[in-house]
Protein backbone atom coordinates (compact mmCIF):
# COMPACT_ATOMS: atom_id res chain seq x y z
CA MET A 1 -13.26 -84.02 -113.34
CA ASP A 2 -12.45 -84.71 -109.69
CA PHE A 3 -10.32 -87.64 -110.82
CA LEU A 4 -8.12 -85.42 -113.01
CA ARG A 5 -7.64 -82.88 -110.23
CA PHE A 6 -6.34 -85.69 -107.99
CA LEU A 7 -3.70 -86.59 -110.58
CA ARG A 8 -2.48 -82.99 -110.92
CA ARG A 9 -1.89 -82.58 -107.19
CA ALA A 10 1.77 -81.90 -106.32
CA PRO A 11 3.55 -84.77 -104.54
CA LYS A 12 4.29 -84.33 -100.86
CA VAL A 13 7.87 -83.38 -100.12
CA ALA A 14 9.47 -85.03 -97.11
CA GLU A 15 10.63 -82.72 -94.36
CA PRO A 16 14.42 -82.36 -94.21
CA LEU A 17 16.18 -84.35 -91.52
CA SER A 18 18.37 -82.48 -89.10
CA HIS A 19 21.17 -83.77 -86.93
CA VAL A 20 24.09 -82.48 -84.92
CA MET A 21 27.59 -83.26 -86.13
CA LEU A 22 30.37 -83.16 -83.58
CA PRO A 23 33.95 -82.49 -84.68
CA ALA A 24 36.06 -85.64 -84.96
CA GLN A 25 38.74 -86.23 -82.35
CA ARG A 26 42.27 -86.39 -83.74
CA VAL A 27 45.47 -88.31 -82.98
CA ALA A 28 48.59 -86.80 -84.52
CA GLY A 29 46.66 -85.51 -87.49
CA ALA A 30 44.62 -88.67 -88.08
CA LEU A 31 41.03 -89.29 -87.09
CA ILE A 32 40.45 -91.33 -83.97
CA LYS A 33 38.09 -94.17 -84.61
CA THR A 34 37.73 -97.62 -83.20
CA GLY A 35 39.33 -100.37 -85.22
CA LYS A 36 42.32 -98.21 -86.22
CA TRP A 37 45.74 -99.83 -85.93
CA VAL A 38 48.12 -97.96 -83.62
CA VAL A 39 51.52 -98.56 -82.02
CA HIS A 40 51.76 -98.34 -78.24
CA GLN A 41 54.97 -96.34 -77.78
CA PRO A 42 56.04 -97.59 -74.30
CA THR A 43 55.93 -101.26 -75.35
CA LYS A 44 56.52 -100.75 -79.11
CA GLN A 45 53.66 -103.21 -79.79
CA PRO A 46 50.94 -102.80 -82.38
CA GLY A 47 47.35 -102.74 -81.25
CA ILE A 48 43.81 -101.86 -82.23
CA LEU A 49 42.05 -98.82 -80.84
CA THR A 50 38.99 -100.26 -79.10
CA GLY A 51 37.45 -97.15 -77.61
CA VAL A 52 37.77 -93.74 -76.03
CA ALA A 53 37.03 -94.07 -72.32
CA ASP A 54 37.32 -90.44 -71.25
CA PHE A 55 39.12 -88.38 -73.87
CA PRO A 56 42.18 -88.20 -73.99
CA ILE A 57 42.23 -91.58 -72.17
CA ILE A 58 41.83 -94.37 -74.74
CA ASN A 59 41.62 -98.17 -74.75
CA VAL A 60 43.92 -100.23 -76.97
CA MET A 61 44.01 -104.02 -77.47
CA LEU A 62 47.64 -104.95 -78.01
CA VAL A 63 48.37 -107.88 -80.33
CA ASN A 64 51.30 -110.27 -80.45
CA GLU A 65 53.55 -110.86 -83.46
CA VAL A 66 51.16 -113.52 -84.81
CA GLY A 67 48.24 -111.09 -84.76
CA GLU A 68 46.31 -112.56 -81.84
CA ASP A 69 44.81 -110.29 -79.18
CA TYR A 70 47.36 -110.10 -76.38
CA ARG A 71 46.50 -107.58 -73.67
CA PRO A 72 44.19 -104.59 -73.23
CA VAL A 73 45.80 -101.34 -72.07
CA THR A 74 44.48 -97.92 -71.14
CA CYS A 75 46.72 -95.06 -72.20
CA THR A 76 46.76 -91.44 -73.32
CA LEU A 77 47.07 -90.00 -76.81
CA ALA A 78 50.74 -89.22 -76.17
CA ASP A 79 51.41 -92.96 -75.75
CA ILE A 80 50.26 -94.00 -79.23
CA ARG A 81 50.77 -93.25 -82.90
CA ILE A 82 49.10 -94.51 -86.07
CA ALA A 83 50.72 -97.76 -87.23
CA LYS A 84 52.59 -98.11 -90.50
CA LEU A 85 51.41 -100.80 -92.89
CA LEU A 86 54.38 -103.09 -92.23
CA GLU A 87 53.91 -102.78 -88.44
CA ILE A 88 50.51 -104.49 -88.66
CA PRO A 89 50.86 -108.28 -88.17
CA GLU A 90 50.94 -110.09 -91.51
CA LYS A 91 47.84 -112.19 -90.80
CA ARG A 92 45.76 -109.05 -90.23
CA ARG A 93 47.49 -106.65 -92.64
CA PRO A 94 45.34 -105.17 -95.42
CA THR A 95 46.57 -105.10 -99.01
CA PRO A 96 48.81 -102.12 -99.81
CA ILE A 97 46.10 -100.38 -101.85
CA HIS A 98 43.42 -100.92 -99.20
CA GLY A 99 45.87 -100.02 -96.43
CA ALA A 100 46.76 -96.74 -98.12
CA SER A 101 43.07 -95.86 -98.42
CA LEU A 102 42.75 -96.44 -94.65
CA GLY A 103 45.74 -94.20 -93.89
CA TYR A 104 48.48 -96.80 -93.30
CA PHE A 105 51.67 -96.08 -95.24
């Protein structure tokens, strides 16, 4: 009898996890996240967003026309915009379908 009562016992339910979600920071309507391709307006060079130092100050690694890392710069949000697909160097450019899913048009 004790054995059957053990089988009928309700399974333990895990306690729900809780976390705090902060609102995403935005650049011209697009989410800021590291690894995003941007164009540095003063130099007209493409680059990769490498981090947010002290918002709105951001770090960008500029790349040359071959796609190699060229020079790190620190700038403000007003100095950059999200890159278009054809502005990304060909060696590092995603396919059009994948690029569109990432927000590059």
